[in-house]
Amino acid sequence: MEGYVKKRFNSVQALIRNDIAAACPADDLAAFCRALFEEPPSDLLIKRGSYKTIYRSELGKNSCIIKTYKNKGLLGLLKSAAAASRARQEFAAASYIHGQGILTAAPLLLAEKNTLGLVSAGAVVLECIEGAQELREFFFYDRSILPAERRHVAEQFGRLTAAIFQKGVFQYDFALNNFLIRREADGFGLYFIDFERVRLKSAVPRQQKIDVLARLGRVGGEISFRDRLRFLRGYLAQEPGFAESLHEAAAEMIGATVAAIGNDRSRNRLTSIYTHARYDRIQQAERTGLCRKGTDVPVLLSAVAAISGRETAGQLVIRHEGKSLAVRAVYLEPREAESAWAALTALKIAGMPIELPHAIVCSEITGCLLFDPSMRPACERFFAAGSRSARFIIQHFPAEVELLKSLLAKI
């Protein structure tokens, strides 16, 4: 690959950007590449999954983000013989996108560890974009942003999205948390950062664009209708042939987004943009689920188990961020609990100003949702107000509204 040099360090093969290879002593590069496949220091860890780990590090004088992927079992090894590894696919996508002039984390290094001639693990090393935050954080939580800046970024993001499509980049998981934003001398820089599910095409079909934009729209009331229009205005400025008018584009995207929310609901999807970076997974003692970060999981599981199977609801005391917290527990069948969580997520994504439950805990025989006691009066006020948002939700998500009311009756 142009601009990179191949290196081999025993069982590790690497592609290293020329300037990095020239600046780093060979022994340092060898040690760095071998360490990619060791346990990262806990203080540098960003995320750990079943097959992927993300953490911070330093490569020479460069701050970087490292993503490592494992091919598990014999089947995983055999798949590496027939297709490029996850790491190589992500590295290729990052290199292409960076070469197209789209702001992104520059790829610095690709490394693959071989076992019996097959790729057992891979790693991508990307430039760290200092001083940036997720675009989700910018829109959801950053109160320092001026209204005019928010309006400008919404339109800028629309233009960037159209430009990404025009470069033949299809990202199935196109979401706010896959972009970083940084204040720069001439305004804001928007950086496309996640390429794990990117596919490069000669052209992205219109229907796929609609599907991607609809999934992007699953962000609830944090993004106002006006900001959504500004996004579409920026998009149409970059791709005017997408729709005949802003009104037509908005109507089409409302329908597609409602359908996307409904699809997630039908699959009982638990994760969403509202659980990203805010909830931890539970996988302990034959129990699974999600809970808000900062929750004492052993105390939570013990409290849930204390009345499980004896009552349909009750008050529990758990520990969150070092303090006692009283919550209302509602017990259901496991699939019913997952369905209820998915329904609440659908309502929140559709614009209802509610908080997701504090936790969902499921075993083979029971499921439990933990609610803040203030949720019931807040929901009752919302529906009593008869706002435009309430009417929209009742019209498009009637089954979810009825399920919510049945849950509120138990709290």
Protein backbone atom coordinates (compact mmCIF):
# COMPACT_ATOMS: atom_id res chain seq x y z
CA MET A 1 0.00 0.00 0.00
CA GLU A 2 1.37 3.39 -1.01
CA GLY A 3 2.70 5.41 1.90
CA TYR A 4 3.25 2.35 4.11
CA VAL A 5 6.09 -0.10 4.57
CA LYS A 6 5.80 -3.81 5.36
CA LYS A 7 7.58 -5.19 8.42
CA ARG A 8 7.68 -8.62 10.05
CA PHE A 9 8.38 -9.25 13.73
CA ASN A 10 8.38 -13.03 14.23
CA SER A 11 4.70 -14.06 14.00
CA VAL A 12 3.48 -10.47 13.56
CA GLN A 13 3.18 -8.86 10.14
CA ALA A 14 2.72 -5.10 10.01
CA LEU A 15 2.02 -2.23 7.64
CA ILE A 16 3.49 0.95 9.09
CA ARG A 17 3.12 4.48 7.76
CA ASN A 18 6.42 5.58 6.26
CA ASP A 19 7.05 8.54 8.56
CA ILE A 20 6.34 6.40 11.65
CA ALA A 21 8.67 3.63 10.45
CA ALA A 22 11.43 6.15 9.71
CA ALA A 23 11.14 7.93 13.07
CA CYS A 24 10.93 4.87 15.37
CA PRO A 25 13.90 2.56 16.06
CA ALA A 26 13.34 -0.98 14.78
CA ASP A 27 13.49 -2.49 18.28
CA ASP A 28 10.84 -0.04 19.52
CA LEU A 29 8.55 -0.88 16.62
CA ALA A 30 9.00 -4.60 17.22
CA ALA A 31 8.18 -4.22 20.92
CA PHE A 32 5.15 -2.05 20.11
CA CYS A 33 3.74 -4.53 17.59
CA ARG A 34 4.20 -7.52 19.89
CA ALA A 35 2.54 -5.63 22.77
CA LEU A 36 -0.55 -5.03 20.64
CA PHE A 37 -1.65 -8.59 21.34
CA GLU A 38 -1.08 -8.48 25.09
CA GLU A 39 -3.44 -7.31 27.83
CA PRO A 40 -3.60 -3.47 27.75
CA PRO A 41 -3.07 -1.46 30.95
CA SER A 42 -6.40 -0.98 32.72
CA ASP A 43 -5.98 2.79 32.98
CA LEU A 44 -5.74 3.06 29.18
CA LEU A 45 -8.72 0.81 28.41
CA ILE A 46 -11.65 2.45 26.60
CA LYS A 47 -13.86 -0.52 25.74
CA ARG A 48 -13.69 -4.28 25.94
CA GLY A 49 -16.01 -6.65 24.10
CA SER A 50 -16.12 -10.35 23.34
CA TYR A 51 -13.88 -10.00 20.29
CA LYS A 52 -12.78 -6.33 20.23
CA THR A 53 -10.73 -4.20 22.63
CA ILE A 54 -10.12 -0.45 22.32
CA TYR A 55 -7.52 1.45 24.30
CA ARG A 56 -5.16 4.42 24.21
CA SER A 57 -1.41 4.27 23.69
CA GLU A 58 1.64 6.08 22.29
CA LEU A 59 3.45 5.20 19.07
CA GLY A 60 6.67 7.16 19.05
CA LYS A 61 5.57 10.78 19.57
CA ASN A 62 2.04 10.05 18.37
CA SER A 63 -0.94 9.62 20.68
CA CYS A 64 -3.07 6.87 19.23
CA ILE A 65 -6.16 4.70 19.60
CA ILE A 66 -5.67 0.94 19.23
CA LYS A 67 -8.39 -1.50 18.21
CA THR A 68 -7.57 -5.19 18.50
CA TYR A 69 -9.69 -8.02 17.10
CA LYS A 70 -9.52 -11.71 17.94
CA ASN A 71 -10.53 -14.56 15.65
CA LYS A 72 -12.05 -17.00 18.12
CA GLY A 73 -11.84 -20.75 17.67
CA LEU A 74 -11.05 -22.86 14.64
CA LEU A 75 -13.90 -21.35 12.60
CA GLY A 76 -12.56 -17.84 13.20
CA LEU A 77 -9.12 -18.91 12.06
CA LEU A 78 -10.47 -20.60 8.95
CA LYS A 79 -12.51 -17.51 8.02
CA SER A 80 -9.28 -15.51 7.94
CA ALA A 81 -8.08 -17.72 5.09
CA ALA A 82 -11.09 -16.82 2.94
CA ALA A 83 -11.58 -13.14 3.76
CA ALA A 84 -9.61 -10.16 5.01
CA SER A 85 -9.49 -9.89 8.79
CA ARG A 86 -11.67 -7.34 10.61
CA ALA A 87 -8.56 -5.30 11.32
CA ARG A 88 -7.47 -5.30 7.68
CA GLN A 89 -10.97 -4.35 6.50
CA GLU A 90 -11.13 -1.45 8.94
CA PHE A 91 -7.59 -0.33 8.03
CA ALA A 92 -8.45 -0.39 4.31
CA ALA A 93 -11.64 1.63 4.87
CA ALA A 94 -9.84 4.16 7.07
CA SER A 95 -7.06 4.56 4.49
CA TYR A 96 -9.57 5.08 1.67
CA ILE A 97 -11.67 7.60 3.62
CA HIS A 98 -8.58 9.51 4.76
CA GLY A 99 -7.36 9.61 1.17
CA GLN A 100 -10.68 11.07 0.00
CA GLY A 101 -10.20 14.20 2.08
CA ILE A 102 -12.86 13.33 4.68
CA LEU A 103 -11.70 14.33 8.14
CA THR A 104 -10.91 11.18 10.09
CA ALA A 105 -8.46 9.52 12.44
CA ALA A 106 -5.48 8.80 10.19
CA PRO A 107 -4.49 5.11 10.10
CA LEU A 108 -0.91 4.70 11.37
CA LEU A 109 -0.37 0.95 11.50
CA LEU A 110 -1.95 -2.43 10.77
CA ALA A 111 -0.67 -5.54 12.51
CA GLU A 112 -1.78 -9.17 12.19
CA LYS A 113 -0.64 -12.08 14.33
CA ASN A 114 -0.34 -15.41 12.53
CA THR A 115 -0.98 -18.85 13.99
CA LEU A 116 -0.39 -21.89 11.75
CA GLY A 117 -0.37 -19.56 8.76
CA LEU A 118 -3.78 -18.05 9.63
CA VAL A 119 -4.65 -14.70 11.22
CA SER A 120 -5.50 -15.26 14.87
CA ALA A 121 -5.67 -11.58 15.85
CA GLY A 122 -5.39 -8.17 14.22
CA ALA A 123 -4.86 -4.60 15.35
CA VAL A 124 -5.45 -1.17 13.83
CA VAL A 125 -3.60 1.85 15.21
CA LEU A 126 -5.30 5.17 14.52
CA GLU A 127 -4.30 8.74 15.21
CA CYS A 128 -5.87 10.13 18.40
CA ILE A 129 -7.90 13.27 17.74
CA GLU A 130 -7.10 15.32 20.81
CA GLY A 131 -9.58 17.79 22.28
CA ALA A 132 -12.59 16.26 20.51
CA GLN A 133 -15.88 14.91 21.81
CA GLU A 134 -18.48 12.60 20.32
CA LEU A 135 -21.04 14.36 18.18
CA ARG A 136 -23.66 12.70 20.38
CA GLU A 137 -22.22 14.44 23.44
CA PHE A 138 -22.20 17.75 21.55
CA PHE A 139 -25.90 17.58 20.69
CA PHE A 140 -27.16 15.81 23.81
CA TYR A 141 -25.23 17.21 26.74
CA ASP A 142 -22.91 20.13 25.89
CA ARG A 143 -24.57 23.25 27.31
CA SER A 144 -21.67 25.54 26.36
CA ILE A 145 -22.62 25.50 22.66
CA LEU A 146 -24.32 28.63 21.34
CA PRO A 147 -27.61 28.15 19.42
CA ALA A 148 -26.06 29.56 16.24
CA GLU A 149 -23.17 27.07 16.53
CA ARG A 150 -25.57 24.18 16.99
CA ARG A 151 -27.54 25.25 13.91
CA HIS A 152 -24.35 25.53 11.86
CA VAL A 153 -23.08 22.08 12.94
CA ALA A 154 -26.43 20.42 12.12
CA GLU A 155 -26.23 21.74 8.56
CA GLN A 156 -22.50 20.97 8.30
CA PHE A 157 -23.17 17.39 9.37
CA GLY A 158 -25.79 17.06 6.63
CA ARG A 159 -23.28 18.15 3.98
CA LEU A 160 -20.68 15.75 5.37
CA THR A 161 -23.13 12.83 5.30
CA ALA A 162 -23.94 13.46 1.64
CA ALA A 163 -20.21 13.72 0.84
CA ILE A 164 -19.56 10.37 2.54
CA PHE A 165 -22.23 8.70 0.41
CA GLN A 166 -20.86 10.34 -2.74
CA LYS A 167 -17.46 8.78 -2.05
CA GLY A 168 -19.09 5.33 -2.12
CA VAL A 169 -18.83 4.82 1.65
CA PHE A 170 -21.64 2.78 3.17
CA GLN A 171 -21.64 2.59 6.95
CA TYR A 172 -24.46 0.39 8.25
CA ASP A 173 -24.03 1.66 11.81
CA PHE A 174 -24.11 5.37 10.90
CA ALA A 175 -24.71 7.13 14.24
CA LEU A 176 -23.76 10.29 16.14
CA ASN A 177 -21.32 8.36 18.32
CA ASN A 178 -19.33 7.41 15.20
CA PHE A 179 -18.30 11.03 14.70
CA LEU A 180 -16.10 13.36 16.71
CA ILE A 181 -16.33 17.14 16.75
CA ARG A 182 -13.59 19.57 17.69
CA ARG A 183 -13.56 23.34 17.86
CA GLU A 184 -10.95 24.63 15.44
CA ALA A 185 -9.68 27.99 14.22
CA ASP A 186 -12.21 28.26 11.39
CA GLY A 187 -15.20 26.73 13.21
CA PHE A 188 -15.78 23.06 13.96
CA GLY A 189 -14.10 19.99 12.50
CA LEU A 190 -16.27 16.89 12.09
CA TYR A 191 -14.35 13.60 12.08
CA PHE A 192 -15.69 10.24 10.86
CA ILE A 193 -14.08 7.67 13.16
CA ASP A 194 -15.65 4.20 13.09
CA PHE A 195 -15.03 1.99 10.05
CA GLU A 196 -15.69 -1.51 11.41
CA ARG A 197 -18.93 -1.87 9.45
CA VAL A 198 -17.95 0.26 6.48
CA ARG A 199 -18.32 -1.14 2.99
CA LEU A 200 -16.84 0.62 -0.05
CA LYS A 201 -19.07 0.71 -3.12
CA SER A 202 -18.94 2.24 -6.57
CA ALA A 203 -22.18 4.00 -5.61
CA VAL A 204 -24.54 3.89 -2.62
CA PRO A 205 -28.12 3.17 -3.80
CA ARG A 206 -30.78 5.67 -2.77
CA GLN A 207 -32.71 3.15 -0.68
CA GLN A 208 -29.60 2.36 1.34
CA LYS A 209 -29.10 6.08 1.91
CA ILE A 210 -32.67 6.32 3.21
CA ASP A 211 -32.10 3.33 5.52
CA VAL A 212 -28.90 4.87 6.90
CA LEU A 213 -30.48 8.30 7.39
CA ALA A 214 -33.47 6.73 9.13
CA ARG A 215 -31.23 4.89 11.60
CA LEU A 216 -29.29 8.10 12.13
CA GLY A 217 -32.58 9.78 13.01
CA ARG A 218 -33.18 7.51 16.03
CA VAL A 219 -32.15 10.23 18.50
CA GLY A 220 -35.36 11.34 20.20
CA GLY A 221 -36.11 14.80 21.50
CA GLU A 222 -32.46 15.77 21.98
CA ILE A 223 -32.39 16.71 18.30
CA SER A 224 -35.20 19.15 17.56
CA PHE A 225 -37.33 19.05 14.43
CA ARG A 226 -35.68 22.30 13.32
CA ASP A 227 -32.19 20.83 13.69
CA ARG A 228 -33.31 17.82 11.67
CA LEU A 229 -34.48 20.19 8.95
CA ARG A 230 -31.14 21.98 9.05
CA PHE A 231 -29.39 18.63 8.64
CA LEU A 232 -31.56 17.84 5.61
CA ARG A 233 -30.98 21.31 4.19
CA GLY A 234 -27.23 20.73 4.36
CA TYR A 235 -27.65 17.27 2.87
CA LEU A 236 -29.71 18.56 -0.06
CA ALA A 237 -27.20 21.35 -0.68
CA GLN A 238 -24.58 18.63 -1.27
CA GLU A 239 -26.94 16.23 -3.07
CA PRO A 240 -29.80 18.30 -4.56
CA GLY A 241 -31.15 15.37 -6.60
CA PHE A 242 -32.06 13.38 -3.47
CA ALA A 243 -35.51 15.01 -3.21
CA GLU A 244 -37.49 17.68 -5.01
CA SER A 245 -37.87 19.82 -1.90
CA LEU A 246 -36.95 20.04 1.76
CA HIS A 247 -40.58 19.33 2.65
CA GLU A 248 -40.60 16.14 0.57
CA ALA A 249 -37.30 14.96 2.11
CA ALA A 250 -38.57 15.65 5.64
CA ALA A 251 -41.82 13.75 5.09
CA GLU A 252 -39.95 10.76 3.65
CA MET A 253 -37.45 10.70 6.51
CA ILE A 254 -40.17 10.90 9.19
CA GLY A 255 -41.83 7.79 7.75
CA ALA A 256 -38.53 5.94 7.34
CA THR A 257 -37.40 6.81 10.88
CA VAL A 258 -40.69 5.63 12.42
CA ALA A 259 -40.23 2.36 10.50
CA ALA A 260 -36.63 2.02 11.73
CA ILE A 261 -37.72 2.53 15.34
CA GLY A 262 -40.46 -0.05 14.84
CA ASN A 263 -37.97 -2.53 13.42
CA ASP A 264 -35.72 -2.18 16.47
CA ARG A 265 -38.78 -2.60 18.67
CA SER A 266 -39.83 -5.81 16.90
CA ARG A 267 -36.34 -7.25 17.43
CA ASN A 268 -36.44 -6.38 21.15
CA ARG A 269 -33.22 -4.43 20.72
CA LEU A 270 -31.84 -3.42 24.13
CA THR A 271 -28.98 -1.13 23.15
CA SER A 272 -29.40 2.30 21.60
CA ILE A 273 -27.76 5.68 21.45
CA TYR A 274 -29.14 6.19 24.98
CA THR A 275 -27.31 3.19 26.41
CA HIS A 276 -24.03 3.92 24.58
CA ALA A 277 -21.40 4.98 27.14
CA ARG A 278 -24.13 5.36 29.79
CA TYR A 279 -24.91 1.73 30.63
CA ASP A 280 -22.76 -1.28 31.43
CA ARG A 281 -23.58 -4.82 30.37
CA ILE A 282 -24.40 -7.36 33.07
CA GLN A 283 -23.04 -10.87 32.53
CA GLN A 284 -22.74 -12.51 35.93
CA ALA A 285 -24.05 -15.55 37.76
CA GLU A 286 -26.35 -16.64 34.93
CA ARG A 287 -27.90 -13.18 34.79
CA THR A 288 -27.67 -10.75 31.90
CA GLY A 289 -28.84 -7.23 31.27
CA LEU A 290 -27.85 -3.58 31.42
CA CYS A 291 -27.41 -1.10 34.24
CA ARG A 292 -26.42 2.54 34.51
CA LYS A 293 -22.72 3.13 34.90
CA GLY A 294 -21.70 3.54 38.51
CA THR A 295 -24.08 0.84 39.76
CA ASP A 296 -22.76 -1.68 42.28
CA VAL A 297 -23.62 -4.80 40.27
CA PRO A 298 -23.30 -7.40 43.11
CA VAL A 299 -25.64 -5.32 45.30
CA LEU A 300 -28.02 -4.91 42.37
CA LEU A 301 -28.16 -8.64 41.62
CA SER A 302 -28.60 -9.51 45.29
CA ALA A 303 -31.47 -7.03 45.66
CA VAL A 304 -33.21 -8.28 42.50
CA ALA A 305 -32.89 -11.91 43.62
CA ALA A 306 -34.26 -11.18 47.10
CA ILE A 307 -37.90 -10.98 46.00
CA SER A 308 -37.66 -12.55 42.56
CA GLY A 309 -40.52 -14.94 41.90
CA ARG A 310 -42.50 -13.98 45.00
CA GLU A 311 -43.96 -10.62 43.95
CA THR A 312 -44.70 -8.86 40.66
CA ALA A 313 -43.33 -5.54 41.93
CA GLY A 314 -41.62 -4.06 44.94
CA GLN A 315 -39.23 -1.43 46.23
CA LEU A 316 -35.51 -2.18 46.22
CA VAL A 317 -32.51 -0.31 47.55
CA ILE A 318 -29.38 -0.51 45.42
CA ARG A 319 -26.05 1.31 45.34
CA HIS A 320 -25.25 3.83 42.62
CA GLU A 321 -22.14 6.01 42.57
CA GLY A 322 -21.47 5.14 46.19
CA LYS A 323 -24.92 6.10 47.48
CA SER A 324 -28.09 4.22 48.37
CA LEU A 325 -30.83 4.54 45.78
CA ALA A 326 -34.47 3.47 46.14
CA VAL A 327 -36.03 2.08 42.97
CA ARG A 328 -39.22 0.29 42.01
CA ALA A 329 -38.76 -3.21 40.61
CA VAL A 330 -41.24 -4.76 38.18
CA TYR A 331 -40.90 -8.53 37.60
CA LEU A 332 -41.89 -10.12 34.30
CA GLU A 333 -41.05 -13.11 32.18
CA PRO A 334 -37.55 -12.65 30.64
CA ARG A 335 -38.86 -12.04 27.11
CA GLU A 336 -41.54 -9.71 28.47
CA ALA A 337 -38.89 -7.67 30.29
CA GLU A 338 -36.81 -7.37 27.13
CA SER A 339 -39.92 -6.43 25.14
CA ALA A 340 -40.83 -3.77 27.72
CA TRP A 341 -37.32 -2.30 27.63
CA ALA A 342 -37.45 -2.19 23.82
CA ALA A 343 -40.85 -0.50 23.96
CA LEU A 344 -39.58 2.18 26.36
CA THR A 345 -36.55 2.71 24.13
CA ALA A 346 -38.84 3.15 21.12
CA LEU A 347 -40.89 5.78 22.97
CA LYS A 348 -37.78 7.66 24.06
CA ILE A 349 -36.27 7.59 20.57
CA ALA A 350 -39.62 8.79 19.18
CA GLY A 351 -39.32 11.89 21.38
CA MET A 352 -40.97 11.09 24.69
CA PRO A 353 -38.98 12.84 27.47
CA ILE A 354 -38.52 9.83 29.75
CA GLU A 355 -35.49 8.15 31.23
CA LEU A 356 -34.86 4.50 30.51
CA PRO A 357 -35.10 2.23 33.57
CA HIS A 358 -32.08 2.13 35.83
CA ALA A 359 -31.47 -1.49 34.90
CA ILE A 360 -32.80 -4.63 33.28
CA VAL A 361 -31.76 -7.96 34.80
CA CYS A 362 -32.80 -11.27 33.25
CA SER A 363 -32.27 -14.92 34.11
CA GLU A 364 -33.74 -18.03 32.52
CA ILE A 365 -36.90 -17.78 34.61
CA THR A 366 -37.46 -14.09 35.37
CA GLY A 367 -36.81 -10.57 34.16
CA CYS A 368 -36.72 -7.41 36.20
CA LEU A 369 -36.91 -3.70 35.31
CA LEU A 370 -35.81 -1.10 37.86
CA PHE A 371 -37.57 2.28 37.63
CA ASP A 372 -37.10 5.66 39.24
CA PRO A 373 -40.30 6.23 41.30
CA SER A 374 -40.73 9.68 39.68
CA MET A 375 -41.31 8.13 36.26
CA ARG A 376 -45.04 7.60 36.70
CA PRO A 377 -46.04 11.22 37.45
CA ALA A 378 -43.70 12.48 34.72
CA CYS A 379 -45.37 10.25 32.11
CA GLU A 380 -48.85 11.18 33.29
CA ARG A 381 -48.02 14.89 32.92
CA PHE A 382 -46.65 14.30 29.42
CA PHE A 383 -49.79 12.61 28.13
CA ALA A 384 -52.12 15.02 29.96
CA ALA A 385 -50.46 18.00 28.26
CA GLY A 386 -51.61 16.77 24.84
CA SER A 387 -48.59 18.27 23.11
CA ARG A 388 -47.71 17.75 19.45
CA SER A 389 -45.05 15.29 20.56
CA ALA A 390 -47.55 13.31 22.66
CA ARG A 391 -50.01 13.14 19.77
CA PHE A 392 -47.25 11.92 17.43
CA ILE A 393 -46.25 9.15 19.81
CA ILE A 394 -49.83 8.02 20.46
CA GLN A 395 -50.48 7.92 16.71
CA HIS A 396 -47.37 5.99 15.67
CA PHE A 397 -46.65 3.85 18.75
CA PRO A 398 -50.02 2.93 20.31
CA ALA A 399 -48.96 -0.56 21.46
CA GLU A 400 -45.88 0.83 23.20
CA VAL A 401 -47.98 3.49 24.93
CA GLU A 402 -50.37 0.85 26.26
CA LEU A 403 -47.48 -1.28 27.49
CA LEU A 404 -45.99 1.77 29.24
CA LYS A 405 -49.30 2.43 30.99
CA SER A 406 -49.46 -1.17 32.20
CA LEU A 407 -45.95 -0.82 33.65
CA LEU A 408 -46.76 2.48 35.31
CA ALA A 409 -49.72 0.84 37.03
CA LYS A 410 -47.25 -1.51 38.75
CA ILE A 411 -44.78 1.16 39.88
